Amino acid sequence: LEEGRPIPAEDAYPVEGHAFELVLPYTYENERGADRVHLTAPELAWGALPNTMVGVKLPFGPVDPGFGTTDWGFAGPQLFGFYNFNTEAPWLPALALRTDVSLPLGDLAGDDVRAGLTGVATRSWGRARAHVNVTAGIGPDPDAGATLHPIPDWSGSIALDRSFLRRGVLVAAELA
């Protein structure tokens, strides 16, 4: 599991050492009384060192307030680092720390630099796994000008996943 794919929770394991991973997600939001947003946030991650991943995410998309105008633009590049402290042991879950920094670059970005710090724990039982994620945002309020993909003030989630059919199908449930 990775942050936002397919659910907001992620697991405590980075991309393996010296490997690259390119992710091209798409999200559509259409809440009652709010703007319609089409968001793609291409992400490139690199396993820079053992148990360490660094990367960049480039949120981009149109925001349609529904009045015949559409704003297109970037929502501020996000740089991230992820470190896994340990693999699971019989008495200890896998533990990781993720840091994100959102830069105020782009038409739909916020006005200031914003950071996030996420603690991640993963515990496995055969093909089933449980994940706990807790995030704290650092910096100005994420609503201060940010239109797309802001780092939240805080968030927390608990997720369970189970793979079926030779790890080809993943079923996940989350409480966030």
C-alpha atoms as a PDB file:
ATOM      1  CA  LEU A   1       0.000   0.000   0.000  1.00  0.00           C
ATOM      2  CA  GLU A   2       1.162   3.484  -0.775  1.00  0.00           C
ATOM      3  CA  GLU A   3      -0.203   6.787   0.413  1.00  0.00           C
ATOM      4  CA  GLY A   4      -3.469   7.337  -1.480  1.00  0.00           C
ATOM      5  CA  ARG A   5      -3.249   4.135  -3.522  1.00  0.00           C
ATOM      6  CA  PRO A   6      -5.701   2.505  -3.264  1.00  0.00           C
ATOM      7  CA  ILE A   7      -6.607   3.929   0.174  1.00  0.00           C
ATOM      8  CA  PRO A   8      -5.091   6.828   2.183  1.00  0.00           C
ATOM      9  CA  ALA A   9      -3.138   4.509   4.526  1.00  0.00           C
ATOM     10  CA  GLU A  10       0.260   3.203   3.496  1.00  0.00           C
ATOM     11  CA  ASP A  11       2.399   0.336   4.713  1.00  0.00           C
ATOM     12  CA  ALA A  12       5.763   0.624   6.447  1.00  0.00           C
ATOM     13  CA  TYR A  13       7.867  -0.647   3.529  1.00  0.00           C
ATOM     14  CA  PRO A  14       9.645   1.592   0.984  1.00  0.00           C
ATOM     15  CA  VAL A  15      10.578   0.877  -2.629  1.00  0.00           C
ATOM     16  CA  GLU A  16      13.455  -1.604  -2.589  1.00  0.00           C
ATOM     17  CA  GLY A  17      17.022  -0.304  -2.757  1.00  0.00           C
ATOM     18  CA  HIS A  18      18.140   1.315  -6.038  1.00  0.00           C
ATOM     19  CA  ALA A  19      14.743   0.717  -7.677  1.00  0.00           C
ATOM     20  CA  PHE A  20      12.558   3.409  -9.228  1.00  0.00           C
ATOM     21  CA  GLU A  21       8.787   3.518  -9.107  1.00  0.00           C
ATOM     22  CA  LEU A  22       6.574   5.763 -11.240  1.00  0.00           C
ATOM     23  CA  VAL A  23       2.929   6.116 -10.214  1.00  0.00           C
ATOM     24  CA  LEU A  24       0.333   7.954 -12.352  1.00  0.00           C
ATOM     25  CA  PRO A  25      -2.852   8.267 -10.251  1.00  0.00           C
ATOM     26  CA  TYR A  26      -6.070  10.068 -11.125  1.00  0.00           C
ATOM     27  CA  THR A  27      -8.695  11.370  -8.664  1.00  0.00           C
ATOM     28  CA  TYR A  28     -12.041  13.050  -9.275  1.00  0.00           C
ATOM     29  CA  GLU A  29     -13.867  14.947  -6.519  1.00  0.00           C
ATOM     30  CA  ASN A  30     -17.375  16.363  -6.869  1.00  0.00           C
ATOM     31  CA  GLU A  31     -18.761  17.272  -3.458  1.00  0.00           C
ATOM     32  CA  ARG A  32     -22.090  19.021  -3.092  1.00  0.00           C
ATOM     33  CA  GLY A  33     -21.559  22.762  -2.751  1.00  0.00           C
ATOM     34  CA  ALA A  34     -17.841  22.527  -3.587  1.00  0.00           C
ATOM     35  CA  ASP A  35     -15.624  22.742  -6.658  1.00  0.00           C
ATOM     36  CA  ARG A  36     -15.251  19.808  -9.033  1.00  0.00           C
ATOM     37  CA  VAL A  37     -11.619  18.713  -9.136  1.00  0.00           C
ATOM     38  CA  HIS A  38      -9.776  16.414 -11.524  1.00  0.00           C
ATOM     39  CA  LEU A  39      -6.384  15.668  -9.982  1.00  0.00           C
ATOM     40  CA  THR A  40      -3.411  13.741 -11.209  1.00  0.00           C
ATOM     41  CA  ALA A  41      -0.323  13.661  -9.012  1.00  0.00           C
ATOM     42  CA  PRO A  42       2.455  11.784 -10.845  1.00  0.00           C
ATOM     43  CA  GLU A  43       4.960  10.466  -8.342  1.00  0.00           C
ATOM     44  CA  LEU A  44       8.512   9.250  -8.869  1.00  0.00           C
ATOM     45  CA  ALA A  45      10.118   7.366  -5.963  1.00  0.00           C
ATOM     46  CA  TRP A  46      13.653   6.021  -5.680  1.00  0.00           C
ATOM     47  CA  GLY A  47      15.031   3.489  -3.209  1.00  0.00           C
ATOM     48  CA  ALA A  48      18.069   5.658  -2.456  1.00  0.00           C
ATOM     49  CA  LEU A  49      19.556   3.568   0.371  1.00  0.00           C
ATOM     50  CA  PRO A  50      18.567   0.386   2.194  1.00  0.00           C
ATOM     51  CA  ASN A  51      15.164   0.966   3.850  1.00  0.00           C
ATOM     52  CA  THR A  52      15.097   4.545   2.503  1.00  0.00           C
ATOM     53  CA  MET A  53      12.983   6.047  -0.252  1.00  0.00           C
ATOM     54  CA  VAL A  54      12.943   9.613  -1.585  1.00  0.00           C
ATOM     55  CA  GLY A  55      10.709  11.081  -4.236  1.00  0.00           C
ATOM     56  CA  VAL A  56       8.741  13.895  -5.786  1.00  0.00           C
ATOM     57  CA  LYS A  57       5.020  14.293  -6.431  1.00  0.00           C
ATOM     58  CA  LEU A  58       3.647  16.858  -8.934  1.00  0.00           C
ATOM     59  CA  PRO A  59      -0.094  17.527  -8.289  1.00  0.00           C
ATOM     60  CA  PHE A  60      -1.723  18.944 -11.418  1.00  0.00           C
ATOM     61  CA  GLY A  61      -5.254  19.391 -12.637  1.00  0.00           C
ATOM     62  CA  PRO A  62      -8.242  21.589 -13.347  1.00  0.00           C
ATOM     63  CA  VAL A  63     -10.584  23.021 -10.736  1.00  0.00           C
ATOM     64  CA  ASP A  64     -14.095  23.774 -12.005  1.00  0.00           C
ATOM     65  CA  PRO A  65     -16.213  25.902  -9.659  1.00  0.00           C
ATOM     66  CA  GLY A  66     -19.220  25.297 -11.943  1.00  0.00           C
ATOM     67  CA  PHE A  67     -19.622  28.817 -13.316  1.00  0.00           C
ATOM     68  CA  GLY A  68     -18.250  28.157 -16.802  1.00  0.00           C
ATOM     69  CA  THR A  69     -14.649  28.846 -15.755  1.00  0.00           C
ATOM     70  CA  THR A  70     -11.940  26.307 -15.104  1.00  0.00           C
ATOM     71  CA  ASP A  71      -8.612  26.971 -13.418  1.00  0.00           C
ATOM     72  CA  TRP A  72      -5.730  24.760 -14.587  1.00  0.00           C
ATOM     73  CA  GLY A  73      -2.373  24.493 -12.916  1.00  0.00           C
ATOM     74  CA  PHE A  74       0.137  22.865 -10.637  1.00  0.00           C
ATOM     75  CA  ALA A  75      -0.626  22.618  -6.937  1.00  0.00           C
ATOM     76  CA  GLY A  76       2.920  22.816  -5.638  1.00  0.00           C
ATOM     77  CA  PRO A  77       5.478  20.034  -5.970  1.00  0.00           C
ATOM     78  CA  GLN A  78       5.816  17.795  -2.940  1.00  0.00           C
ATOM     79  CA  LEU A  79       9.143  16.278  -1.945  1.00  0.00           C
ATOM     80  CA  PHE A  80       9.141  13.294   0.392  1.00  0.00           C
ATOM     81  CA  GLY A  81      11.431  10.974   2.286  1.00  0.00           C
ATOM     82  CA  PHE A  82      10.507   7.633   3.832  1.00  0.00           C
ATOM     83  CA  TYR A  83      12.597   5.538   6.223  1.00  0.00           C
ATOM     84  CA  ASN A  84      11.759   2.056   7.504  1.00  0.00           C
ATOM     85  CA  PHE A  85      13.366   1.437  10.908  1.00  0.00           C
ATOM     86  CA  ASN A  86      12.817  -2.320  11.010  1.00  0.00           C
ATOM     87  CA  THR A  87      11.131  -5.282   9.430  1.00  0.00           C
ATOM     88  CA  GLU A  88       8.536  -7.083  11.493  1.00  0.00           C
ATOM     89  CA  ALA A  89       9.621  -9.241  14.396  1.00  0.00           C
ATOM     90  CA  PRO A  90       7.434 -11.606  16.445  1.00  0.00           C
ATOM     91  CA  TRP A  91       7.032  -8.912  19.100  1.00  0.00           C
ATOM     92  CA  LEU A  92       7.357  -5.702  17.031  1.00  0.00           C
ATOM     93  CA  PRO A  93       5.519  -4.347  13.947  1.00  0.00           C
ATOM     94  CA  ALA A  94       7.388  -2.731  11.057  1.00  0.00           C
ATOM     95  CA  LEU A  95       7.828   0.962  11.862  1.00  0.00           C
ATOM     96  CA  ALA A  96       8.517   3.812   9.439  1.00  0.00           C
ATOM     97  CA  LEU A  97       8.630   7.592   9.308  1.00  0.00           C
ATOM     98  CA  ARG A  98       7.630   9.697   6.303  1.00  0.00           C
ATOM     99  CA  THR A  99       8.262  13.411   5.802  1.00  0.00           C
ATOM    100  CA  ASP A 100       6.584  15.523   3.115  1.00  0.00           C
ATOM    101  CA  VAL A 101       7.290  19.108   2.081  1.00  0.00           C
ATOM    102  CA  SER A 102       4.862  20.981  -0.181  1.00  0.00           C
ATOM    103  CA  LEU A 103       6.361  23.964  -1.998  1.00  0.00           C
ATOM    104  CA  PRO A 104       4.367  27.107  -2.907  1.00  0.00           C
ATOM    105  CA  LEU A 105       5.016  26.800  -6.643  1.00  0.00           C
ATOM    106  CA  GLY A 106       2.200  26.790  -9.171  1.00  0.00           C
ATOM    107  CA  ASP A 107      -1.118  28.523  -9.818  1.00  0.00           C
ATOM    108  CA  LEU A 108      -3.116  26.242  -7.496  1.00  0.00           C
ATOM    109  CA  ALA A 109      -0.517  25.908  -4.721  1.00  0.00           C
ATOM    110  CA  GLY A 110      -0.710  27.382  -1.261  1.00  0.00           C
ATOM    111  CA  ASP A 111       1.063  30.563  -0.285  1.00  0.00           C
ATOM    112  CA  ASP A 112       3.697  29.033   2.028  1.00  0.00           C
ATOM    113  CA  VAL A 113       5.892  25.974   2.485  1.00  0.00           C
ATOM    114  CA  ARG A 114       4.056  23.248   4.414  1.00  0.00           C
ATOM    115  CA  ALA A 115       5.467  20.039   5.872  1.00  0.00           C
ATOM    116  CA  GLY A 116       3.996  16.817   7.157  1.00  0.00           C
ATOM    117  CA  LEU A 117       5.366  14.103   9.406  1.00  0.00           C
ATOM    118  CA  THR A 118       3.781  10.640   9.313  1.00  0.00           C
ATOM    119  CA  GLY A 119       4.377   7.668  11.590  1.00  0.00           C
ATOM    120  CA  VAL A 120       3.536   4.285  10.028  1.00  0.00           C
ATOM    121  CA  ALA A 121       3.194   0.834  11.620  1.00  0.00           C
ATOM    122  CA  THR A 122       2.438  -2.428   9.784  1.00  0.00           C
ATOM    123  CA  ARG A 123       1.730  -5.850  11.274  1.00  0.00           C
ATOM    124  CA  SER A 124       1.209  -9.035   9.213  1.00  0.00           C
ATOM    125  CA  TRP A 125      -0.609 -12.301   9.880  1.00  0.00           C
ATOM    126  CA  GLY A 126      -0.077 -14.470   6.800  1.00  0.00           C
ATOM    127  CA  ARG A 127      -1.767 -12.710   3.872  1.00  0.00           C
ATOM    128  CA  ALA A 128      -3.577 -10.239   6.157  1.00  0.00           C
ATOM    129  CA  ARG A 129      -1.979  -7.005   7.320  1.00  0.00           C
ATOM    130  CA  ALA A 130      -2.956  -4.129   9.611  1.00  0.00           C
ATOM    131  CA  HIS A 131      -1.662  -0.565   9.221  1.00  0.00           C
ATOM    132  CA  VAL A 132      -1.776   2.476  11.475  1.00  0.00           C
ATOM    133  CA  ASN A 133      -0.858   5.915  10.067  1.00  0.00           C
ATOM    134  CA  VAL A 134      -0.743   9.181  12.014  1.00  0.00           C
ATOM    135  CA  THR A 135       0.137  12.484  10.286  1.00  0.00           C
ATOM    136  CA  ALA A 136       0.816  15.939  11.714  1.00  0.00           C
ATOM    137  CA  GLY A 137       1.031  18.991   9.459  1.00  0.00           C
ATOM    138  CA  ILE A 138       3.580  21.704  10.184  1.00  0.00           C
ATOM    139  CA  GLY A 139       3.316  25.249   8.888  1.00  0.00           C
ATOM    140  CA  PRO A 140       0.525  27.604   7.836  1.00  0.00           C
ATOM    141  CA  ASP A 141      -3.073  26.401   7.575  1.00  0.00           C
ATOM    142  CA  PRO A 142      -3.500  24.133   4.508  1.00  0.00           C
ATOM    143  CA  ASP A 143      -6.603  26.105   3.460  1.00  0.00           C
ATOM    144  CA  ALA A 144      -4.616  29.342   3.117  1.00  0.00           C
ATOM    145  CA  GLY A 145      -4.693  29.412  -0.677  1.00  0.00           C
ATOM    146  CA  ALA A 146      -4.110  25.718  -1.355  1.00  0.00           C
ATOM    147  CA  THR A 147      -6.603  24.348  -3.846  1.00  0.00           C
ATOM    148  CA  LEU A 148      -5.321  20.859  -4.684  1.00  0.00           C
ATOM    149  CA  HIS A 149      -3.787  18.118  -2.552  1.00  0.00           C
ATOM    150  CA  PRO A 150      -2.814  20.001   0.655  1.00  0.00           C
ATOM    151  CA  ILE A 151      -0.989  18.368   3.564  1.00  0.00           C
ATOM    152  CA  PRO A 152      -3.621  18.157   6.354  1.00  0.00           C
ATOM    153  CA  ASP A 153      -3.280  19.665   9.847  1.00  0.00           C
ATOM    154  CA  TRP A 154      -3.589  16.135  11.186  1.00  0.00           C
ATOM    155  CA  SER A 155      -4.953  12.795  10.095  1.00  0.00           C
ATOM    156  CA  GLY A 156      -5.062   9.250  11.324  1.00  0.00           C
ATOM    157  CA  SER A 157      -6.134   5.958   9.843  1.00  0.00           C
ATOM    158  CA  ILE A 158      -6.337   2.275  10.613  1.00  0.00           C
ATOM    159  CA  ALA A 159      -6.492  -0.121   7.678  1.00  0.00           C
ATOM    160  CA  LEU A 160      -6.734  -3.853   7.125  1.00  0.00           C
ATOM    161  CA  ASP A 161      -5.850  -5.585   3.881  1.00  0.00           C
ATOM    162  CA  ARG A 162      -5.933  -9.179   2.691  1.00  0.00           C
ATOM    163  CA  SER A 163      -4.630 -10.575  -0.577  1.00  0.00           C
ATOM    164  CA  PHE A 164      -6.448 -13.344  -2.427  1.00  0.00           C
ATOM    165  CA  LEU A 165      -5.757 -15.495  -5.475  1.00  0.00           C
ATOM    166  CA  ARG A 166      -1.976 -15.602  -5.291  1.00  0.00           C
ATOM    167  CA  ARG A 167      -1.655 -11.963  -4.211  1.00  0.00           C
ATOM    168  CA  GLY A 168      -3.449 -10.862  -7.388  1.00  0.00           C
ATOM    169  CA  VAL A 169      -6.496  -9.367  -5.657  1.00  0.00           C
ATOM    170  CA  LEU A 170      -6.245  -7.057  -2.669  1.00  0.00           C
ATOM    171  CA  VAL A 171      -9.223  -6.263  -0.467  1.00  0.00           C
ATOM    172  CA  ALA A 172      -8.761  -3.338   1.909  1.00  0.00           C
ATOM    173  CA  ALA A 173     -10.884  -1.563   4.516  1.00  0.00           C
ATOM    174  CA  GLU A 174      -9.989   1.663   6.256  1.00  0.00           C
ATOM    175  CA  LEU A 175     -11.205   3.930   9.009  1.00  0.00           C
ATOM    176  CA  ALA A 176      -9.778   7.438   8.641  1.00  0.00           C
END
